[in-house]
Amino acid sequence: MEQTDKKRSFAAGAAETSPLLVGVVGISIPVGLIALACVEESVVALVFAVLAMFAVGATTLGFVLRLASDEPEVEGAE
């Protein structure tokens, strides 16, 4: 049990939660732009909201792919 606790670090937890944090913060940007487009009746703000949604999706996908990839194991390390 002690060995598993020693292997845990803040960086390991941050790597697992970073896609969630990026998603939550990233989603607020398009939502804000959509609200701005509704209030100002601006097509430009709506286009920026759609582009921001694609950017947030691509960023989150990048994090998930990085987390899903297998890290090379170092031989002889315990």
PDB file of N, CA and C in Angstrom:
ATOM      1  N   MET A   1       0.814  -1.192   0.000  1.00  0.00           N
ATOM      2  CA  MET A   1       0.000   0.000   0.000  1.00  0.00           C
ATOM      3  C   MET A   1       0.857   1.254   0.000  1.00  0.00           C
ATOM      4  N   GLU A   2       1.977   1.205   0.711  1.00  0.00           N
ATOM      5  CA  GLU A   2       2.826   2.382   0.798  1.00  0.00           C
ATOM      6  C   GLU A   2       3.463   2.712  -0.544  1.00  0.00           C
ATOM      7  N   GLN A   3       3.750   1.711  -1.355  1.00  0.00           N
ATOM      8  CA  GLN A   3       4.390   1.963  -2.632  1.00  0.00           C
ATOM      9  C   GLN A   3       3.460   2.711  -3.580  1.00  0.00           C
ATOM     10  N   THR A   4       2.197   2.393  -3.571  1.00  0.00           N
ATOM     11  CA  THR A   4       1.273   3.106  -4.453  1.00  0.00           C
ATOM     12  C   THR A   4       1.133   4.561  -4.038  1.00  0.00           C
ATOM     13  N   ASP A   5       1.196   4.833  -2.726  1.00  0.00           N
ATOM     14  CA  ASP A   5       1.114   6.212  -2.260  1.00  0.00           C
ATOM     15  C   ASP A   5       2.351   7.000  -2.659  1.00  0.00           C
ATOM     16  N   LYS A   6       3.507   6.364  -2.679  1.00  0.00           N
ATOM     17  CA  LYS A   6       4.742   7.047  -3.041  1.00  0.00           C
ATOM     18  C   LYS A   6       4.753   7.411  -4.521  1.00  0.00           C
ATOM     19  N   LYS A   7       4.118   6.595  -5.354  1.00  0.00           N
ATOM     20  CA  LYS A   7       4.109   6.844  -6.788  1.00  0.00           C
ATOM     21  C   LYS A   7       3.139   7.952  -7.172  1.00  0.00           C
ATOM     22  N   ARG A   8       2.195   8.241  -6.321  1.00  0.00           N
ATOM     23  CA  ARG A   8       1.225   9.292  -6.617  1.00  0.00           C
ATOM     24  C   ARG A   8       1.856  10.645  -6.386  1.00  0.00           C
ATOM     25  N   SER A   9       1.541  11.560  -7.264  1.00  0.00           N
ATOM     26  CA  SER A   9       2.036  12.921  -7.109  1.00  0.00           C
ATOM     27  C   SER A   9       0.969  13.873  -7.624  1.00  0.00           C
ATOM     28  N   PHE A  10       1.203  15.138  -7.396  1.00  0.00           N
ATOM     29  CA  PHE A  10       0.260  16.156  -7.867  1.00  0.00           C
ATOM     30  C   PHE A  10       0.187  16.161  -9.385  1.00  0.00           C
ATOM     31  N   ALA A  11       1.321  15.949 -10.034  1.00  0.00           N
ATOM     32  CA  ALA A  11       1.349  15.973 -11.502  1.00  0.00           C
ATOM     33  C   ALA A  11       0.497  14.855 -12.089  1.00  0.00           C
ATOM     34  N   ALA A  12       0.459  13.707 -11.454  1.00  0.00           N
ATOM     35  CA  ALA A  12      -0.355  12.605 -11.962  1.00  0.00           C
ATOM     36  C   ALA A  12      -1.838  12.957 -11.888  1.00  0.00           C
ATOM     37  N   GLY A  13      -2.252  13.560 -10.815  1.00  0.00           N
ATOM     38  CA  GLY A  13      -3.651  13.956 -10.685  1.00  0.00           C
ATOM     39  C   GLY A  13      -4.009  15.095 -11.613  1.00  0.00           C
ATOM     40  N   ALA A  14      -3.082  16.004 -11.810  1.00  0.00           N
ATOM     41  CA  ALA A  14      -3.342  17.132 -12.697  1.00  0.00           C
ATOM     42  C   ALA A  14      -3.468  16.673 -14.142  1.00  0.00           C
ATOM     43  N   ALA A  15      -2.690  15.673 -14.524  1.00  0.00           N
ATOM     44  CA  ALA A  15      -2.767  15.169 -15.894  1.00  0.00           C
ATOM     45  C   ALA A  15      -4.121  14.522 -16.169  1.00  0.00           C
ATOM     46  N   GLU A  16      -4.728  13.948 -15.154  1.00  0.00           N
ATOM     47  CA  GLU A  16      -6.024  13.299 -15.339  1.00  0.00           C
ATOM     48  C   GLU A  16      -7.174  14.301 -15.325  1.00  0.00           C
ATOM     49  N   THR A  17      -7.034  15.369 -14.593  1.00  0.00           N
ATOM     50  CA  THR A  17      -8.130  16.330 -14.497  1.00  0.00           C
ATOM     51  C   THR A  17      -8.003  17.491 -15.472  1.00  0.00           C
ATOM     52  N   SER A  18      -6.863  17.633 -16.111  1.00  0.00           N
ATOM     53  CA  SER A  18      -6.678  18.775 -17.009  1.00  0.00           C
ATOM     54  C   SER A  18      -7.663  18.795 -18.182  1.00  0.00           C
ATOM     55  N   PRO A  19      -8.028  17.652 -18.801  1.00  0.00           N
ATOM     56  CA  PRO A  19      -9.045  17.742 -19.865  1.00  0.00           C
ATOM     57  C   PRO A  19     -10.382  18.272 -19.356  1.00  0.00           C
ATOM     58  N   LEU A  20     -10.739  17.894 -18.148  1.00  0.00           N
ATOM     59  CA  LEU A  20     -11.996  18.386 -17.581  1.00  0.00           C
ATOM     60  C   LEU A  20     -11.930  19.888 -17.348  1.00  0.00           C
ATOM     61  N   LEU A  21     -10.824  20.353 -16.788  1.00  0.00           N
ATOM     62  CA  LEU A  21     -10.675  21.784 -16.534  1.00  0.00           C
ATOM     63  C   LEU A  21     -10.638  22.579 -17.830  1.00  0.00           C
ATOM     64  N   VAL A  22      -9.914  22.066 -18.818  1.00  0.00           N
ATOM     65  CA  VAL A  22      -9.864  22.747 -20.120  1.00  0.00           C
ATOM     66  C   VAL A  22     -11.251  22.773 -20.745  1.00  0.00           C
ATOM     67  N   GLY A  23     -11.987  21.684 -20.611  1.00  0.00           N
ATOM     68  CA  GLY A  23     -13.337  21.630 -21.169  1.00  0.00           C
ATOM     69  C   GLY A  23     -14.276  22.616 -20.510  1.00  0.00           C
ATOM     70  N   VAL A  24     -14.232  22.689 -19.184  1.00  0.00           N
ATOM     71  CA  VAL A  24     -15.134  23.594 -18.454  1.00  0.00           C
ATOM     72  C   VAL A  24     -14.810  25.047 -18.776  1.00  0.00           C
ATOM     73  N   VAL A  25     -13.532  25.390 -18.746  1.00  0.00           N
ATOM     74  CA  VAL A  25     -13.138  26.767 -19.054  1.00  0.00           C
ATOM     75  C   VAL A  25     -13.388  27.058 -20.522  1.00  0.00           C
ATOM     76  N   GLY A  26     -13.072  26.075 -21.381  1.00  0.00           N
ATOM     77  CA  GLY A  26     -13.244  26.278 -22.813  1.00  0.00           C
ATOM     78  C   GLY A  26     -14.689  26.410 -23.236  1.00  0.00           C
ATOM     79  N   ILE A  27     -15.574  25.689 -22.592  1.00  0.00           N
ATOM     80  CA  ILE A  27     -16.997  25.774 -22.946  1.00  0.00           C
ATOM     81  C   ILE A  27     -17.562  27.140 -22.572  1.00  0.00           C
ATOM     82  N   SER A  28     -17.033  27.750 -21.527  1.00  0.00           N
ATOM     83  CA  SER A  28     -17.562  29.057 -21.114  1.00  0.00           C
ATOM     84  C   SER A  28     -17.292  30.132 -22.170  1.00  0.00           C
ATOM     85  N   ILE A  29     -16.236  29.980 -22.961  1.00  0.00           N
ATOM     86  CA  ILE A  29     -15.932  30.981 -23.990  1.00  0.00           C
ATOM     87  C   ILE A  29     -16.990  30.967 -25.097  1.00  0.00           C
ATOM     88  N   PRO A  30     -17.289  29.804 -25.728  1.00  0.00           N
ATOM     89  CA  PRO A  30     -18.350  29.825 -26.749  1.00  0.00           C
ATOM     90  C   PRO A  30     -19.719  30.215 -26.189  1.00  0.00           C
ATOM     91  N   VAL A  31     -20.008  29.806 -24.961  1.00  0.00           N
ATOM     92  CA  VAL A  31     -21.305  30.158 -24.370  1.00  0.00           C
ATOM     93  C   VAL A  31     -21.397  31.674 -24.187  1.00  0.00           C
ATOM     94  N   GLY A  32     -20.307  32.280 -23.741  1.00  0.00           N
ATOM     95  CA  GLY A  32     -20.291  33.736 -23.612  1.00  0.00           C
ATOM     96  C   GLY A  32     -20.438  34.431 -24.954  1.00  0.00           C
ATOM     97  N   LEU A  33     -19.790  33.878 -25.986  1.00  0.00           N
ATOM     98  CA  LEU A  33     -19.913  34.464 -27.317  1.00  0.00           C
ATOM     99  C   LEU A  33     -21.320  34.308 -27.881  1.00  0.00           C
ATOM    100  N   ILE A  34     -21.955  33.186 -27.594  1.00  0.00           N
ATOM    101  CA  ILE A  34     -23.342  32.994 -28.041  1.00  0.00           C
ATOM    102  C   ILE A  34     -24.264  33.982 -27.332  1.00  0.00           C
ATOM    103  N   ALA A  35     -24.038  34.186 -26.036  1.00  0.00           N
ATOM    104  CA  ALA A  35     -24.842  35.173 -25.304  1.00  0.00           C
ATOM    105  C   ALA A  35     -24.636  36.567 -25.872  1.00  0.00           C
ATOM    106  N   LEU A  36     -23.378  36.882 -26.194  1.00  0.00           N
ATOM    107  CA  LEU A  36     -23.088  38.190 -26.797  1.00  0.00           C
ATOM    108  C   LEU A  36     -23.778  38.326 -28.154  1.00  0.00           C
ATOM    109  N   ALA A  37     -23.758  37.241 -28.943  1.00  0.00           N
ATOM    110  CA  ALA A  37     -24.414  37.281 -30.248  1.00  0.00           C
ATOM    111  C   ALA A  37     -25.923  37.481 -30.109  1.00  0.00           C
ATOM    112  N   CYS A  38     -26.516  36.889 -29.078  1.00  0.00           N
ATOM    113  CA  CYS A  38     -27.951  37.059 -28.866  1.00  0.00           C
ATOM    114  C   CYS A  38     -28.292  38.485 -28.439  1.00  0.00           C
ATOM    115  N   VAL A  39     -27.490  39.028 -27.555  1.00  0.00           N
ATOM    116  CA  VAL A  39     -27.774  40.359 -27.037  1.00  0.00           C
ATOM    117  C   VAL A  39     -27.534  41.424 -28.101  1.00  0.00           C
ATOM    118  N   GLU A  40     -26.404  41.302 -28.799  1.00  0.00           N
ATOM    119  CA  GLU A  40     -26.030  42.315 -29.787  1.00  0.00           C
ATOM    120  C   GLU A  40     -26.571  42.019 -31.187  1.00  0.00           C
ATOM    121  N   GLU A  41     -27.178  40.846 -31.376  1.00  0.00           N
ATOM    122  CA  GLU A  41     -27.653  40.396 -32.683  1.00  0.00           C
ATOM    123  C   GLU A  41     -26.521  40.447 -33.707  1.00  0.00           C
ATOM    124  N   SER A  42     -25.381  39.892 -33.314  1.00  0.00           N
ATOM    125  CA  SER A  42     -24.171  39.946 -34.124  1.00  0.00           C
ATOM    126  C   SER A  42     -23.873  38.580 -34.736  1.00  0.00           C
ATOM    127  N   VAL A  43     -23.785  38.540 -36.057  1.00  0.00           N
ATOM    128  CA  VAL A  43     -23.440  37.303 -36.758  1.00  0.00           C
ATOM    129  C   VAL A  43     -21.954  36.995 -36.559  1.00  0.00           C
ATOM    130  N   VAL A  44     -21.142  38.030 -36.463  1.00  0.00           N
ATOM    131  CA  VAL A  44     -19.696  37.839 -36.282  1.00  0.00           C
ATOM    132  C   VAL A  44     -19.415  37.132 -34.963  1.00  0.00           C
ATOM    133  N   ALA A  45     -20.083  37.528 -33.898  1.00  0.00           N
ATOM    134  CA  ALA A  45     -19.902  36.866 -32.606  1.00  0.00           C
ATOM    135  C   ALA A  45     -20.359  35.410 -32.670  1.00  0.00           C
ATOM    136  N   LEU A  46     -21.396  35.138 -33.420  1.00  0.00           N
ATOM    137  CA  LEU A  46     -21.865  33.766 -33.582  1.00  0.00           C
ATOM    138  C   LEU A  46     -20.853  32.921 -34.343  1.00  0.00           C
ATOM    139  N   VAL A  47     -20.234  33.490 -35.367  1.00  0.00           N
ATOM    140  CA  VAL A  47     -19.192  32.766 -36.106  1.00  0.00           C
ATOM    141  C   VAL A  47     -18.005  32.484 -35.198  1.00  0.00           C
ATOM    142  N   PHE A  48     -17.612  33.469 -34.391  1.00  0.00           N
ATOM    143  CA  PHE A  48     -16.514  33.251 -33.439  1.00  0.00           C
ATOM    144  C   PHE A  48     -16.872  32.175 -32.412  1.00  0.00           C
ATOM    145  N   ALA A  49     -18.137  32.113 -32.011  1.00  0.00           N
ATOM    146  CA  ALA A  49     -18.572  31.083 -31.070  1.00  0.00           C
ATOM    147  C   ALA A  49     -18.430  29.692 -31.674  1.00  0.00           C
ATOM    148  N   VAL A  50     -18.797  29.549 -32.924  1.00  0.00           N
ATOM    149  CA  VAL A  50     -18.665  28.243 -33.594  1.00  0.00           C
ATOM    150  C   VAL A  50     -17.192  27.865 -33.730  1.00  0.00           C
ATOM    151  N   LEU A  51     -16.356  28.819 -34.112  1.00  0.00           N
ATOM    152  CA  LEU A  51     -14.918  28.549 -34.222  1.00  0.00           C
ATOM    153  C   LEU A  51     -14.319  28.191 -32.859  1.00  0.00           C
ATOM    154  N   ALA A  52     -14.768  28.864 -31.810  1.00  0.00           N
ATOM    155  CA  ALA A  52     -14.286  28.565 -30.462  1.00  0.00           C
ATOM    156  C   ALA A  52     -14.709  27.171 -30.026  1.00  0.00           C
ATOM    157  N   MET A  53     -15.914  26.745 -30.430  1.00  0.00           N
ATOM    158  CA  MET A  53     -16.368  25.396 -30.088  1.00  0.00           C
ATOM    159  C   MET A  53     -15.484  24.345 -30.742  1.00  0.00           C
ATOM    160  N   PHE A  54     -15.104  24.561 -31.994  1.00  0.00           N
ATOM    161  CA  PHE A  54     -14.199  23.632 -32.658  1.00  0.00           C
ATOM    162  C   PHE A  54     -12.830  23.609 -31.970  1.00  0.00           C
ATOM    163  N   ALA A  55     -12.338  24.763 -31.573  1.00  0.00           N
ATOM    164  CA  ALA A  55     -11.037  24.836 -30.904  1.00  0.00           C
ATOM    165  C   ALA A  55     -11.060  24.118 -29.555  1.00  0.00           C
ATOM    166  N   VAL A  56     -12.137  24.287 -28.806  1.00  0.00           N
ATOM    167  CA  VAL A  56     -12.269  23.609 -27.517  1.00  0.00           C
ATOM    168  C   VAL A  56     -12.329  22.094 -27.719  1.00  0.00           C
ATOM    169  N   GLY A  57     -13.072  21.655 -28.711  1.00  0.00           N
ATOM    170  CA  GLY A  57     -13.151  20.222 -28.995  1.00  0.00           C
ATOM    171  C   GLY A  57     -11.805  19.647 -29.395  1.00  0.00           C
ATOM    172  N   ALA A  58     -11.065  20.362 -30.219  1.00  0.00           N
ATOM    173  CA  ALA A  58      -9.744  19.887 -30.646  1.00  0.00           C
ATOM    174  C   ALA A  58      -8.763  19.842 -29.479  1.00  0.00           C
ATOM    175  N   THR A  59      -8.821  20.833 -28.617  1.00  0.00           N
ATOM    176  CA  THR A  59      -7.927  20.865 -27.453  1.00  0.00           C
ATOM    177  C   THR A  59      -8.238  19.725 -26.492  1.00  0.00           C
ATOM    178  N   THR A  60      -9.510  19.507 -26.227  1.00  0.00           N
ATOM    179  CA  THR A  60      -9.901  18.413 -25.337  1.00  0.00           C
ATOM    180  C   THR A  60      -9.533  17.070 -25.940  1.00  0.00           C
ATOM    181  N   LEU A  61      -9.723  16.910 -27.233  1.00  0.00           N
ATOM    182  CA  LEU A  61      -9.341  15.667 -27.897  1.00  0.00           C
ATOM    183  C   LEU A  61      -7.838  15.439 -27.794  1.00  0.00           C
ATOM    184  N   GLY A  62      -7.055  16.485 -27.924  1.00  0.00           N
ATOM    185  CA  GLY A  62      -5.605  16.360 -27.777  1.00  0.00           C
ATOM    186  C   GLY A  62      -5.207  15.875 -26.395  1.00  0.00           C
ATOM    187  N   PHE A  63      -5.849  16.422 -25.357  1.00  0.00           N
ATOM    188  CA  PHE A  63      -5.568  15.964 -24.002  1.00  0.00           C
ATOM    189  C   PHE A  63      -5.954  14.502 -23.812  1.00  0.00           C
ATOM    190  N   VAL A  64      -7.103  14.123 -24.313  1.00  0.00           N
ATOM    191  CA  VAL A  64      -7.571  12.742 -24.149  1.00  0.00           C
ATOM    192  C   VAL A  64      -6.656  11.775 -24.888  1.00  0.00           C
ATOM    193  N   LEU A  65      -6.233  12.123 -26.084  1.00  0.00           N
ATOM    194  CA  LEU A  65      -5.319  11.254 -26.821  1.00  0.00           C
ATOM    195  C   LEU A  65      -3.976  11.134 -26.115  1.00  0.00           C
ATOM    196  N   ARG A  66      -3.513  12.212 -25.520  1.00  0.00           N
ATOM    197  CA  ARG A  66      -2.248  12.151 -24.783  1.00  0.00           C
ATOM    198  C   ARG A  66      -2.392  11.264 -23.557  1.00  0.00           C
ATOM    199  N   LEU A  67      -3.524  11.347 -22.878  1.00  0.00           N
ATOM    200  CA  LEU A  67      -3.738  10.501 -21.705  1.00  0.00           C
ATOM    201  C   LEU A  67      -3.924   9.036 -22.082  1.00  0.00           C
ATOM    202  N   ALA A  68      -4.522   8.788 -23.235  1.00  0.00           N
ATOM    203  CA  ALA A  68      -4.799   7.410 -23.648  1.00  0.00           C
ATOM    204  C   ALA A  68      -3.572   6.714 -24.226  1.00  0.00           C
ATOM    205  N   SER A  69      -2.571   7.477 -24.623  1.00  0.00           N
ATOM    206  CA  SER A  69      -1.389   6.843 -25.215  1.00  0.00           C
ATOM    207  C   SER A  69      -0.577   6.154 -24.130  1.00  0.00           C
ATOM    208  N   ASP A  70       0.023   5.053 -24.509  1.00  0.00           N
ATOM    209  CA  ASP A  70       0.859   4.298 -23.582  1.00  0.00           C
ATOM    210  C   ASP A  70       2.233   4.929 -23.503  1.00  0.00           C
ATOM    211  N   GLU A  71       2.686   5.150 -22.274  1.00  0.00           N
ATOM    212  CA  GLU A  71       4.017   5.690 -22.088  1.00  0.00           C
ATOM    213  C   GLU A  71       5.025   4.552 -22.185  1.00  0.00           C
ATOM    214  N   PRO A  72       6.167   4.789 -22.803  1.00  0.00           N
ATOM    215  CA  PRO A  72       7.162   3.728 -22.882  1.00  0.00           C
ATOM    216  C   PRO A  72       7.700   3.398 -21.488  1.00  0.00           C
ATOM    217  N   GLU A  73       7.787   2.097 -21.223  1.00  0.00           N
ATOM    218  CA  GLU A  73       8.278   1.670 -19.920  1.00  0.00           C
ATOM    219  C   GLU A  73       9.799   1.628 -19.935  1.00  0.00           C
ATOM    220  N   VAL A  74      10.394   2.081 -18.852  1.00  0.00           N
ATOM    221  CA  VAL A  74      11.843   2.065 -18.719  1.00  0.00           C
ATOM    222  C   VAL A  74      12.243   0.724 -18.148  1.00  0.00           C
ATOM    223  N   GLU A  75      13.126   0.026 -18.821  1.00  0.00           N
ATOM    224  CA  GLU A  75      13.547  -1.281 -18.352  1.00  0.00           C
ATOM    225  C   GLU A  75      14.480  -1.131 -17.153  1.00  0.00           C
ATOM    226  N   GLY A  76      14.270  -1.955 -16.166  1.00  0.00           N
ATOM    227  CA  GLY A  76      15.119  -1.938 -14.978  1.00  0.00           C
ATOM    228  C   GLY A  76      14.664  -0.963 -13.912  1.00  0.00           C
ATOM    229  N   ALA A  77      13.691  -0.145 -14.212  1.00  0.00           N
ATOM    230  CA  ALA A  77      13.206   0.810 -13.206  1.00  0.00           C
ATOM    231  C   ALA A  77      12.136   0.135 -12.344  1.00  0.00           C
ATOM    232  N   GLU A  78      12.191   0.370 -11.065  1.00  0.00           N
ATOM    233  CA  GLU A  78      11.203  -0.227 -10.151  1.00  0.00           C
ATOM    234  C   GLU A  78      10.500   0.820  -9.373  1.00  0.00           C
TER     235      GLU A  78
END
